[in-house]
Amino acid sequence: MILLGLTGSIGMGKSTTAKLFEEEGIPVNDADRVVHELYRGEAVAPVERAFPGVTVEGIVDRQALSKRLAENPAHFKVLEAIVHPLVQERERRFVEEARAAGSLLVVLDIPLLFEVGAEKRVDRIAVVSCDPNEQRRRVLARPGMTPEKFELILSRQMPDSEKRKRADFVIDTGKGIEWAREQVKAIIQRLQREGS
């Protein structure tokens, strides 16, 4: 079984691309989705201990947590030390289940794949990318997003140019969803041939 790491900077179309893999029948473990689940479950108590007042009715309030992190970027390391081991345990179980089900290919959707050293856990890497102007347009159209918040997020991410250099595949989302879908299908066919 081949583990394909899927990553890309904010606004590049990674979540949409992950859905394209799912639509082709490929199991996808979405690290962001796992974090959302953890913020309603096992991460709540340790996050509240580390950042008192960021939970509401037993759920981590992401906006309150974001505000706290923006006040002191060193807090990111504290949060990562809590959340990353929980995310990796979920990922490990997901891979085991996919292997038991006979999957030839599994996608691990990891936004900060290079930044957290997750490239060591995958066999191949696909980076989702587009023109920087298109990226900026997409991100600033999101509710509650500001240029300052966008710059803070970008400062924590490896530059797109560096990700592209390290990738086995680059999926360009700048020409629309059907163009991205064709690239996804080509990657699946190639990796399934390698894995069979």
N, C-alpha and C. Protein backbone atom coordinates (compact mmCIF):
# COMPACT_ATOMS: atom_id res chain seq x y z
N MET A 1 0.85 -1.19 0.00
CA MET A 1 0.00 0.00 0.00
C MET A 1 0.89 1.25 0.00
N ILE A 2 0.51 2.21 -0.83
CA ILE A 2 1.27 3.46 -0.92
C ILE A 2 0.57 4.54 -0.12
N LEU A 3 1.34 5.25 0.70
CA LEU A 3 0.82 6.39 1.46
C LEU A 3 1.23 7.66 0.72
N LEU A 4 0.23 8.40 0.25
CA LEU A 4 0.48 9.65 -0.45
C LEU A 4 0.16 10.80 0.49
N GLY A 5 1.18 11.61 0.80
CA GLY A 5 0.97 12.80 1.60
C GLY A 5 0.47 13.93 0.71
N LEU A 6 -0.63 14.55 1.10
CA LEU A 6 -1.20 15.66 0.34
C LEU A 6 -1.06 16.93 1.17
N THR A 7 -0.45 17.95 0.59
CA THR A 7 -0.25 19.19 1.34
C THR A 7 -0.34 20.38 0.40
N GLY A 8 -0.32 21.56 0.99
CA GLY A 8 -0.40 22.79 0.21
C GLY A 8 -0.68 23.94 1.15
N SER A 9 -0.19 25.09 0.80
CA SER A 9 -0.40 26.28 1.64
C SER A 9 -1.86 26.69 1.62
N ILE A 10 -2.22 27.56 2.56
CA ILE A 10 -3.59 28.05 2.67
C ILE A 10 -4.07 28.64 1.33
N GLY A 11 -5.31 28.30 0.97
CA GLY A 11 -5.92 28.88 -0.22
C GLY A 11 -5.51 28.25 -1.54
N MET A 12 -4.72 27.18 -1.49
CA MET A 12 -4.25 26.55 -2.72
C MET A 12 -5.27 25.55 -3.30
N GLY A 13 -6.26 25.15 -2.49
CA GLY A 13 -7.25 24.20 -2.98
C GLY A 13 -7.04 22.78 -2.50
N LYS A 14 -6.32 22.63 -1.39
CA LYS A 14 -6.00 21.29 -0.89
C LYS A 14 -7.23 20.52 -0.47
N SER A 15 -8.15 21.16 0.24
CA SER A 15 -9.36 20.45 0.71
C SER A 15 -10.20 19.98 -0.47
N THR A 16 -10.33 20.83 -1.47
CA THR A 16 -11.08 20.45 -2.68
C THR A 16 -10.39 19.29 -3.38
N THR A 17 -9.06 19.34 -3.44
CA THR A 17 -8.30 18.27 -4.09
C THR A 17 -8.45 16.96 -3.31
N ALA A 18 -8.45 17.03 -1.98
CA ALA A 18 -8.65 15.82 -1.17
C ALA A 18 -10.00 15.18 -1.51
N LYS A 19 -11.03 16.02 -1.70
CA LYS A 19 -12.36 15.50 -2.07
C LYS A 19 -12.31 14.80 -3.43
N LEU A 20 -11.49 15.31 -4.34
CA LEU A 20 -11.36 14.67 -5.66
C LEU A 20 -10.79 13.27 -5.51
N PHE A 21 -9.82 13.09 -4.63
CA PHE A 21 -9.29 11.74 -4.37
C PHE A 21 -10.40 10.85 -3.79
N GLU A 22 -11.17 11.38 -2.84
CA GLU A 22 -12.27 10.61 -2.25
C GLU A 22 -13.29 10.20 -3.31
N GLU A 23 -13.60 11.14 -4.22
CA GLU A 23 -14.57 10.84 -5.28
C GLU A 23 -14.09 9.72 -6.20
N GLU A 24 -12.78 9.52 -6.26
CA GLU A 24 -12.21 8.42 -7.06
C GLU A 24 -12.08 7.13 -6.24
N GLY A 25 -12.63 7.15 -5.02
CA GLY A 25 -12.64 5.94 -4.19
C GLY A 25 -11.38 5.72 -3.36
N ILE A 26 -10.55 6.75 -3.24
CA ILE A 26 -9.32 6.63 -2.46
C ILE A 26 -9.59 7.07 -1.02
N PRO A 27 -9.24 6.24 -0.02
CA PRO A 27 -9.42 6.66 1.38
C PRO A 27 -8.54 7.87 1.71
N VAL A 28 -9.14 8.88 2.34
CA VAL A 28 -8.41 10.10 2.70
C VAL A 28 -8.55 10.35 4.19
N ASN A 29 -7.41 10.52 4.85
CA ASN A 29 -7.42 10.93 6.26
C ASN A 29 -7.11 12.42 6.30
N ASP A 30 -8.09 13.21 6.71
CA ASP A 30 -7.99 14.67 6.72
C ASP A 30 -7.58 15.13 8.11
N ALA A 31 -6.32 15.58 8.25
CA ALA A 31 -5.81 15.98 9.56
C ALA A 31 -6.62 17.13 10.15
N ASP A 32 -7.07 18.07 9.31
CA ASP A 32 -7.89 19.18 9.82
C ASP A 32 -9.20 18.68 10.41
N ARG A 33 -9.82 17.74 9.72
CA ARG A 33 -11.09 17.18 10.20
C ARG A 33 -10.86 16.45 11.53
N VAL A 34 -9.74 15.75 11.62
CA VAL A 34 -9.40 15.05 12.87
C VAL A 34 -9.25 16.06 14.00
N VAL A 35 -8.57 17.19 13.73
CA VAL A 35 -8.40 18.22 14.76
C VAL A 35 -9.76 18.76 15.21
N HIS A 36 -10.66 18.99 14.26
CA HIS A 36 -12.01 19.46 14.61
C HIS A 36 -12.68 18.47 15.57
N GLU A 37 -12.54 17.17 15.27
CA GLU A 37 -13.12 16.13 16.14
C GLU A 37 -12.46 16.14 17.51
N LEU A 38 -11.14 16.27 17.53
CA LEU A 38 -10.41 16.28 18.81
C LEU A 38 -10.82 17.48 19.66
N TYR A 39 -11.11 18.61 19.01
CA TYR A 39 -11.52 19.82 19.73
C TYR A 39 -12.92 19.68 20.33
N ARG A 40 -13.57 18.58 20.01
CA ARG A 40 -14.88 18.27 20.61
C ARG A 40 -14.76 17.04 21.52
N GLY A 41 -13.53 16.52 21.62
CA GLY A 41 -13.34 15.28 22.37
C GLY A 41 -12.09 15.29 23.22
N GLU A 42 -11.17 14.38 22.88
CA GLU A 42 -10.04 14.13 23.79
C GLU A 42 -9.04 15.27 23.95
N ALA A 43 -9.04 16.26 23.04
CA ALA A 43 -8.09 17.38 23.19
C ALA A 43 -8.63 18.49 24.08
N VAL A 44 -9.92 18.46 24.40
CA VAL A 44 -10.55 19.58 25.12
C VAL A 44 -9.87 19.83 26.47
N ALA A 45 -9.75 18.81 27.30
CA ALA A 45 -9.20 19.00 28.65
C ALA A 45 -7.75 19.50 28.61
N PRO A 46 -6.85 18.85 27.83
CA PRO A 46 -5.47 19.35 27.83
C PRO A 46 -5.33 20.76 27.23
N VAL A 47 -6.16 21.10 26.23
CA VAL A 47 -6.09 22.44 25.65
C VAL A 47 -6.57 23.47 26.67
N GLU A 48 -7.63 23.15 27.39
CA GLU A 48 -8.15 24.09 28.41
C GLU A 48 -7.13 24.27 29.53
N ARG A 49 -6.43 23.19 29.90
CA ARG A 49 -5.39 23.32 30.93
C ARG A 49 -4.27 24.26 30.47
N ALA A 50 -3.89 24.13 29.20
CA ALA A 50 -2.79 24.95 28.68
C ALA A 50 -3.22 26.38 28.38
N PHE A 51 -4.49 26.55 27.98
CA PHE A 51 -5.01 27.87 27.59
C PHE A 51 -6.35 28.11 28.27
N PRO A 52 -6.34 28.39 29.57
CA PRO A 52 -7.60 28.53 30.31
C PRO A 52 -8.55 29.54 29.65
N GLY A 53 -9.82 29.11 29.55
CA GLY A 53 -10.85 30.00 29.01
C GLY A 53 -11.11 29.87 27.53
N VAL A 54 -10.43 28.94 26.83
CA VAL A 54 -10.65 28.81 25.39
C VAL A 54 -11.69 27.74 25.04
N THR A 55 -12.29 27.13 26.07
CA THR A 55 -13.34 26.16 25.78
C THR A 55 -14.69 26.70 26.24
N VAL A 56 -15.72 26.30 25.48
CA VAL A 56 -17.09 26.70 25.80
C VAL A 56 -17.96 25.45 25.72
N GLU A 57 -18.61 25.14 26.83
CA GLU A 57 -19.49 23.97 26.90
C GLU A 57 -18.82 22.70 26.39
N GLY A 58 -17.59 22.50 26.83
CA GLY A 58 -16.88 21.26 26.52
C GLY A 58 -16.33 21.16 25.11
N ILE A 59 -16.23 22.28 24.41
CA ILE A 59 -15.69 22.31 23.05
C ILE A 59 -14.66 23.43 22.97
N VAL A 60 -13.54 23.17 22.28
CA VAL A 60 -12.54 24.21 22.09
C VAL A 60 -13.12 25.26 21.14
N ASP A 61 -13.13 26.50 21.60
CA ASP A 61 -13.58 27.63 20.77
C ASP A 61 -12.39 28.05 19.92
N ARG A 62 -12.44 27.72 18.63
CA ARG A 62 -11.30 27.95 17.74
C ARG A 62 -10.94 29.43 17.63
N GLN A 63 -11.95 30.29 17.66
CA GLN A 63 -11.66 31.73 17.55
C GLN A 63 -10.93 32.23 18.79
N ALA A 64 -11.39 31.79 19.96
CA ALA A 64 -10.72 32.20 21.21
C ALA A 64 -9.29 31.67 21.24
N LEU A 65 -9.12 30.43 20.77
CA LEU A 65 -7.79 29.83 20.74
C LEU A 65 -6.89 30.59 19.74
N SER A 66 -7.43 30.93 18.57
CA SER A 66 -6.66 31.68 17.56
C SER A 66 -6.20 33.02 18.12
N LYS A 67 -7.09 33.68 18.86
CA LYS A 67 -6.76 34.97 19.45
C LYS A 67 -5.60 34.82 20.42
N ARG A 68 -5.66 33.77 21.24
CA ARG A 68 -4.61 33.50 22.23
C ARG A 68 -3.28 33.21 21.53
N LEU A 69 -3.33 32.45 20.44
CA LEU A 69 -2.11 32.11 19.71
C LEU A 69 -1.51 33.35 19.04
N ALA A 70 -2.37 34.23 18.53
CA ALA A 70 -1.89 35.45 17.88
C ALA A 70 -1.17 36.37 18.87
N GLU A 71 -1.62 36.33 20.14
CA GLU A 71 -0.99 37.16 21.18
C GLU A 71 0.45 36.74 21.43
N ASN A 72 0.70 35.43 21.32
CA ASN A 72 2.04 34.92 21.60
C ASN A 72 2.30 33.70 20.71
N PRO A 73 2.97 33.90 19.57
CA PRO A 73 3.22 32.79 18.65
C PRO A 73 3.97 31.60 19.28
N ALA A 74 4.64 31.81 20.40
CA ALA A 74 5.31 30.69 21.07
C ALA A 74 4.30 29.65 21.57
N HIS A 75 3.06 30.10 21.74
CA HIS A 75 2.01 29.18 22.18
C HIS A 75 1.71 28.08 21.16
N PHE A 76 2.06 28.32 19.88
CA PHE A 76 1.82 27.30 18.86
C PHE A 76 2.52 25.99 19.23
N LYS A 77 3.74 26.10 19.75
CA LYS A 77 4.50 24.89 20.12
C LYS A 77 3.79 24.11 21.23
N VAL A 78 3.21 24.85 22.18
CA VAL A 78 2.47 24.21 23.29
C VAL A 78 1.27 23.46 22.73
N LEU A 79 0.53 24.12 21.84
CA LEU A 79 -0.66 23.50 21.24
C LEU A 79 -0.27 22.28 20.41
N GLU A 80 0.78 22.42 19.62
CA GLU A 80 1.22 21.30 18.77
C GLU A 80 1.63 20.10 19.61
N ALA A 81 2.27 20.32 20.75
CA ALA A 81 2.68 19.23 21.63
C ALA A 81 1.47 18.46 22.17
N ILE A 82 0.35 19.13 22.28
CA ILE A 82 -0.89 18.48 22.74
C ILE A 82 -1.56 17.75 21.58
N VAL A 83 -1.72 18.45 20.47
CA VAL A 83 -2.58 17.96 19.39
C VAL A 83 -1.89 16.96 18.45
N HIS A 84 -0.62 17.20 18.10
CA HIS A 84 0.03 16.34 17.09
C HIS A 84 0.06 14.86 17.47
N PRO A 85 0.40 14.49 18.71
CA PRO A 85 0.39 13.06 19.04
C PRO A 85 -1.01 12.43 18.89
N LEU A 86 -2.05 13.18 19.23
CA LEU A 86 -3.43 12.67 19.10
C LEU A 86 -3.79 12.49 17.63
N VAL A 87 -3.38 13.44 16.79
CA VAL A 87 -3.65 13.36 15.35
C VAL A 87 -2.91 12.17 14.74
N GLN A 88 -1.66 11.97 15.15
CA GLN A 88 -0.88 10.87 14.60
C GLN A 88 -1.43 9.51 15.00
N GLU A 89 -1.98 9.42 16.20
CA GLU A 89 -2.58 8.15 16.63
C GLU A 89 -3.81 7.84 15.79
N ARG A 90 -4.63 8.85 15.52
CA ARG A 90 -5.80 8.66 14.64
C ARG A 90 -5.35 8.25 13.23
N GLU A 91 -4.31 8.90 12.75
CA GLU A 91 -3.77 8.58 11.41
C GLU A 91 -3.30 7.13 11.35
N ARG A 92 -2.60 6.69 12.39
CA ARG A 92 -2.09 5.32 12.44
C ARG A 92 -3.23 4.31 12.35
N ARG A 93 -4.31 4.58 13.11
CA ARG A 93 -5.48 3.68 13.08
C ARG A 93 -6.14 3.67 11.71
N PHE A 94 -6.23 4.85 11.09
CA PHE A 94 -6.82 4.97 9.76
C PHE A 94 -6.05 4.13 8.74
N VAL A 95 -4.71 4.24 8.78
CA VAL A 95 -3.87 3.49 7.84
C VAL A 95 -4.03 1.99 8.07
N GLU A 96 -4.07 1.56 9.32
CA GLU A 96 -4.26 0.14 9.64
C GLU A 96 -5.57 -0.38 9.06
N GLU A 97 -6.64 0.41 9.24
CA GLU A 97 -7.96 0.00 8.72
C GLU A 97 -7.96 -0.07 7.20
N ALA A 98 -7.32 0.90 6.53
CA ALA A 98 -7.25 0.91 5.06
C ALA A 98 -6.45 -0.30 4.56
N ARG A 99 -5.36 -0.60 5.26
CA ARG A 99 -4.54 -1.75 4.87
C ARG A 99 -5.35 -3.04 5.02
N ALA A 100 -6.07 -3.15 6.12
CA ALA A 100 -6.89 -4.35 6.35
C ALA A 100 -8.00 -4.48 5.30
N ALA A 101 -8.48 -3.34 4.78
CA ALA A 101 -9.53 -3.35 3.76
C ALA A 101 -8.98 -3.60 2.35
N GLY A 102 -7.64 -3.69 2.24
CA GLY A 102 -7.02 -4.01 0.96
C GLY A 102 -6.77 -2.82 0.04
N SER A 103 -6.74 -1.61 0.59
CA SER A 103 -6.49 -0.41 -0.23
C SER A 103 -5.07 -0.44 -0.78
N LEU A 104 -4.92 -0.08 -2.06
CA LEU A 104 -3.60 0.01 -2.68
C LEU A 104 -2.97 1.39 -2.46
N LEU A 105 -3.85 2.38 -2.21
CA LEU A 105 -3.40 3.76 -2.08
C LEU A 105 -4.24 4.45 -1.01
N VAL A 106 -3.57 5.23 -0.16
CA VAL A 106 -4.24 6.01 0.87
C VAL A 106 -3.66 7.42 0.83
N VAL A 107 -4.53 8.43 0.99
CA VAL A 107 -4.07 9.81 1.03
C VAL A 107 -4.11 10.31 2.47
N LEU A 108 -2.99 10.88 2.91
CA LEU A 108 -2.93 11.54 4.21
C LEU A 108 -2.87 13.04 3.95
N ASP A 109 -3.98 13.72 4.19
CA ASP A 109 -4.11 15.15 3.95
C ASP A 109 -3.56 15.86 5.19
N ILE A 110 -2.34 16.42 5.05
CA ILE A 110 -1.63 17.02 6.20
C ILE A 110 -1.21 18.44 5.81
N PRO A 111 -1.94 19.47 6.28
CA PRO A 111 -1.63 20.84 5.87
C PRO A 111 -0.18 21.25 6.11
N LEU A 112 0.38 20.91 7.27
CA LEU A 112 1.75 21.31 7.60
C LEU A 112 2.70 20.11 7.49
N LEU A 113 2.56 19.34 6.42
CA LEU A 113 3.31 18.09 6.25
C LEU A 113 4.82 18.31 6.41
N PHE A 114 5.38 19.25 5.68
CA PHE A 114 6.83 19.49 5.78
C PHE A 114 7.20 20.15 7.10
N GLU A 115 6.34 21.07 7.54
CA GLU A 115 6.65 21.85 8.73
C GLU A 115 6.73 20.99 9.99
N VAL A 116 5.98 19.88 10.02
CA VAL A 116 5.99 19.01 11.22
C VAL A 116 6.77 17.71 11.00
N GLY A 117 7.46 17.61 9.85
CA GLY A 117 8.28 16.42 9.59
C GLY A 117 7.50 15.20 9.18
N ALA A 118 6.26 15.37 8.74
CA ALA A 118 5.42 14.22 8.38
C ALA A 118 5.82 13.57 7.06
N GLU A 119 6.73 14.21 6.31
CA GLU A 119 7.16 13.58 5.05
C GLU A 119 7.82 12.23 5.30
N LYS A 120 8.29 12.02 6.54
CA LYS A 120 8.92 10.73 6.88
C LYS A 120 7.88 9.61 7.00
N ARG A 121 6.61 9.98 7.14
CA ARG A 121 5.55 8.97 7.34
C ARG A 121 4.85 8.58 6.05
N VAL A 122 5.26 9.16 4.91
CA VAL A 122 4.59 8.87 3.65
C VAL A 122 5.58 8.37 2.60
N ASP A 123 5.04 7.74 1.54
CA ASP A 123 5.89 7.21 0.47
C ASP A 123 6.09 8.22 -0.66
N ARG A 124 5.06 9.01 -0.93
CA ARG A 124 5.10 10.02 -1.99
C ARG A 124 4.40 11.28 -1.47
N ILE A 125 4.70 12.42 -2.13
CA ILE A 125 4.09 13.69 -1.70
C ILE A 125 3.50 14.40 -2.91
N ALA A 126 2.26 14.86 -2.75
CA ALA A 126 1.61 15.70 -3.75
C ALA A 126 1.36 17.07 -3.12
N VAL A 127 1.83 18.12 -3.79
CA VAL A 127 1.62 19.49 -3.31
C VAL A 127 0.57 20.15 -4.20
N VAL A 128 -0.43 20.75 -3.57
CA VAL A 128 -1.47 21.48 -4.27
C VAL A 128 -1.03 22.94 -4.34
N SER A 129 -1.10 23.53 -5.52
CA SER A 129 -0.55 24.86 -5.71
C SER A 129 -1.38 25.65 -6.73
N CYS A 130 -1.19 26.96 -6.72
CA CYS A 130 -1.77 27.84 -7.74
C CYS A 130 -0.99 29.15 -7.71
N ASP A 131 -1.33 30.06 -8.59
CA ASP A 131 -0.69 31.36 -8.67
C ASP A 131 -0.88 32.11 -7.34
N PRO A 132 0.15 32.80 -6.82
CA PRO A 132 0.03 33.51 -5.54
C PRO A 132 -1.09 34.55 -5.51
N ASN A 133 -1.36 35.20 -6.64
CA ASN A 133 -2.45 36.18 -6.67
C ASN A 133 -3.81 35.51 -6.49
N GLU A 134 -3.94 34.33 -7.12
CA GLU A 134 -5.18 33.57 -6.96
C GLU A 134 -5.32 33.07 -5.53
N GLN A 135 -4.21 32.61 -4.93
CA GLN A 135 -4.20 32.18 -3.54
C GLN A 135 -4.71 33.31 -2.63
N ARG A 136 -4.13 34.48 -2.81
CA ARG A 136 -4.50 35.64 -1.98
C ARG A 136 -5.98 35.98 -2.14
N ARG A 137 -6.45 35.99 -3.39
CA ARG A 137 -7.87 36.30 -3.66
C ARG A 137 -8.78 35.31 -2.93
N ARG A 138 -8.45 34.01 -3.03
CA ARG A 138 -9.27 32.97 -2.38
C ARG A 138 -9.29 33.16 -0.85
N VAL A 139 -8.12 33.38 -0.27
CA VAL A 139 -8.03 33.45 1.19
C VAL A 139 -8.74 34.68 1.72
N LEU A 140 -8.52 35.83 1.09
CA LEU A 140 -9.12 37.06 1.59
C LEU A 140 -10.64 37.10 1.39
N ALA A 141 -11.17 36.19 0.57
CA ALA A 141 -12.63 36.09 0.38
C ALA A 141 -13.29 35.30 1.51
N ARG A 142 -12.48 34.65 2.36
CA ARG A 142 -13.04 33.85 3.46
C ARG A 142 -13.59 34.76 4.55
N PRO A 143 -14.70 34.34 5.18
CA PRO A 143 -15.26 35.15 6.27
C PRO A 143 -14.26 35.32 7.42
N GLY A 144 -14.13 36.54 7.90
CA GLY A 144 -13.28 36.82 9.05
C GLY A 144 -11.79 36.90 8.74
N MET A 145 -11.42 36.70 7.48
CA MET A 145 -9.99 36.74 7.13
C MET A 145 -9.56 38.20 6.89
N THR A 146 -8.37 38.50 7.37
CA THR A 146 -7.79 39.84 7.14
C THR A 146 -6.42 39.65 6.51
N PRO A 147 -5.88 40.69 5.87
CA PRO A 147 -4.52 40.57 5.33
C PRO A 147 -3.50 40.21 6.41
N GLU A 148 -3.69 40.76 7.63
CA GLU A 148 -2.75 40.48 8.73
C GLU A 148 -2.81 39.01 9.14
N LYS A 149 -4.02 38.49 9.24
CA LYS A 149 -4.20 37.08 9.63
C LYS A 149 -3.60 36.17 8.55
N PHE A 150 -3.83 36.53 7.28
CA PHE A 150 -3.29 35.77 6.16
C PHE A 150 -1.75 35.74 6.25
N GLU A 151 -1.14 36.89 6.53
CA GLU A 151 0.33 36.95 6.63
C GLU A 151 0.84 36.12 7.80
N LEU A 152 0.11 36.13 8.92
CA LEU A 152 0.50 35.31 10.08
C LEU A 152 0.49 33.83 9.71
N ILE A 153 -0.56 33.40 9.02
CA ILE A 153 -0.66 31.99 8.60
C ILE A 153 0.48 31.65 7.65
N LEU A 154 0.70 32.51 6.66
CA LEU A 154 1.78 32.25 5.70
C LEU A 154 3.14 32.17 6.38
N SER A 155 3.35 32.99 7.43
CA SER A 155 4.65 33.01 8.11
C SER A 155 4.94 31.67 8.80
N ARG A 156 3.90 30.89 9.07
CA ARG A 156 4.09 29.60 9.73
C ARG A 156 4.20 28.45 8.73
N GLN A 157 4.02 28.78 7.44
CA GLN A 157 4.05 27.74 6.41
C GLN A 157 5.31 27.88 5.55
N MET A 158 5.84 26.74 5.15
CA MET A 158 6.97 26.73 4.22
C MET A 158 6.52 27.39 2.91
N PRO A 159 7.39 28.19 2.28
CA PRO A 159 6.99 28.82 1.01
C PRO A 159 6.57 27.78 -0.03
N ASP A 160 5.57 28.15 -0.82
CA ASP A 160 5.04 27.26 -1.85
C ASP A 160 6.15 26.77 -2.79
N SER A 161 7.06 27.67 -3.16
CA SER A 161 8.14 27.29 -4.09
C SER A 161 8.98 26.14 -3.52
N GLU A 162 9.23 26.17 -2.21
CA GLU A 162 10.01 25.11 -1.57
C GLU A 162 9.22 23.81 -1.53
N LYS A 163 7.92 23.90 -1.23
CA LYS A 163 7.08 22.69 -1.22
C LYS A 163 7.08 22.03 -2.60
N ARG A 164 6.95 22.85 -3.63
CA ARG A 164 6.92 22.32 -5.00
C ARG A 164 8.22 21.57 -5.33
N LYS A 165 9.35 22.09 -4.87
CA LYS A 165 10.65 21.45 -5.11
C LYS A 165 10.72 20.07 -4.46
N ARG A 166 10.11 19.95 -3.29
CA ARG A 166 10.19 18.69 -2.52
C ARG A 166 9.13 17.66 -2.92
N ALA A 167 8.19 18.06 -3.78
CA ALA A 167 7.05 17.20 -4.10
C ALA A 167 7.39 16.17 -5.18
N ASP A 168 6.72 15.04 -5.12
CA ASP A 168 6.77 14.07 -6.22
C ASP A 168 5.78 14.48 -7.31
N PHE A 169 4.69 15.12 -6.89
CA PHE A 169 3.65 15.59 -7.81
C PHE A 169 3.22 16.99 -7.39
N VAL A 170 2.94 17.85 -8.37
CA VAL A 170 2.36 19.17 -8.10
C VAL A 170 1.01 19.20 -8.81
N ILE A 171 -0.04 19.47 -8.05
CA ILE A 171 -1.39 19.56 -8.60
C ILE A 171 -1.75 21.04 -8.70
N ASP A 172 -1.90 21.53 -9.93
CA ASP A 172 -2.20 22.94 -10.17
C ASP A 172 -3.72 23.11 -10.16
N THR A 173 -4.21 23.90 -9.20
CA THR A 173 -5.66 24.13 -9.08
C THR A 173 -6.09 25.46 -9.69
N GLY A 174 -5.16 26.15 -10.34
CA GLY A 174 -5.45 27.48 -10.86
C GLY A 174 -6.28 27.50 -12.14
N LYS A 175 -6.49 26.33 -12.76
CA LYS A 175 -7.23 26.28 -14.03
C LYS A 175 -8.58 25.61 -13.88
N GLY A 176 -9.07 25.54 -12.66
CA GLY A 176 -10.41 24.97 -12.45
C GLY A 176 -10.39 23.54 -11.96
N ILE A 177 -11.56 23.11 -11.50
CA ILE A 177 -11.69 21.81 -10.84
C ILE A 177 -11.51 20.63 -11.79
N GLU A 178 -11.96 20.76 -13.03
CA GLU A 178 -11.84 19.62 -13.96
C GLU A 178 -10.37 19.37 -14.31
N TRP A 179 -9.60 20.43 -14.44
CA TRP A 179 -8.16 20.29 -14.69
C TRP A 179 -7.51 19.61 -13.49
N ALA A 180 -7.89 20.01 -12.28
CA ALA A 180 -7.35 19.38 -11.07
C ALA A 180 -7.76 17.90 -11.02
N ARG A 181 -9.02 17.62 -11.38
CA ARG A 181 -9.50 16.22 -11.35
C ARG A 181 -8.67 15.33 -12.29
N GLU A 182 -8.33 15.84 -13.48
CA GLU A 182 -7.53 15.05 -14.43
C GLU A 182 -6.15 14.74 -13.85
N GLN A 183 -5.56 15.73 -13.16
CA GLN A 183 -4.26 15.51 -12.54
C GLN A 183 -4.35 14.46 -11.44
N VAL A 184 -5.42 14.52 -10.65
CA VAL A 184 -5.63 13.56 -9.56
C VAL A 184 -5.76 12.15 -10.14
N LYS A 185 -6.57 12.00 -11.19
CA LYS A 185 -6.75 10.67 -11.82
C LYS A 185 -5.42 10.12 -12.33
N ALA A 186 -4.61 10.98 -12.92
CA ALA A 186 -3.31 10.53 -13.45
C ALA A 186 -2.39 10.06 -12.32
N ILE A 187 -2.40 10.76 -11.20
CA ILE A 187 -1.58 10.36 -10.04
C ILE A 187 -2.06 9.01 -9.50
N ILE A 188 -3.37 8.87 -9.37
CA ILE A 188 -3.93 7.61 -8.86
C ILE A 188 -3.53 6.44 -9.75
N GLN A 189 -3.68 6.62 -11.06
CA GLN A 189 -3.33 5.52 -11.99
C GLN A 189 -1.86 5.14 -11.86
N ARG A 190 -1.01 6.15 -11.80
CA ARG A 190 0.43 5.88 -11.70
C ARG A 190 0.77 5.16 -10.40
N LEU A 191 0.23 5.64 -9.29
CA LEU A 191 0.57 5.04 -7.99
C LEU A 191 -0.05 3.66 -7.82
N GLN A 192 -1.23 3.44 -8.38
CA GLN A 192 -1.84 2.11 -8.27
C GLN A 192 -1.06 1.10 -9.10
N ARG A 193 -0.52 1.55 -10.23
CA ARG A 193 0.35 0.66 -11.02
C ARG A 193 1.60 0.30 -10.22
N GLU A 194 2.19 1.32 -9.56
CA GLU A 194 3.40 1.07 -8.75
C GLU A 194 3.10 0.15 -7.57
N GLY A 195 1.92 0.32 -6.97
CA GLY A 195 1.60 -0.41 -5.75
C GLY A 195 1.06 -1.79 -5.95
N SER A 196 0.69 -2.11 -7.21
CA SER A 196 0.08 -3.45 -7.43
C SER A 196 1.12 -4.51 -7.70
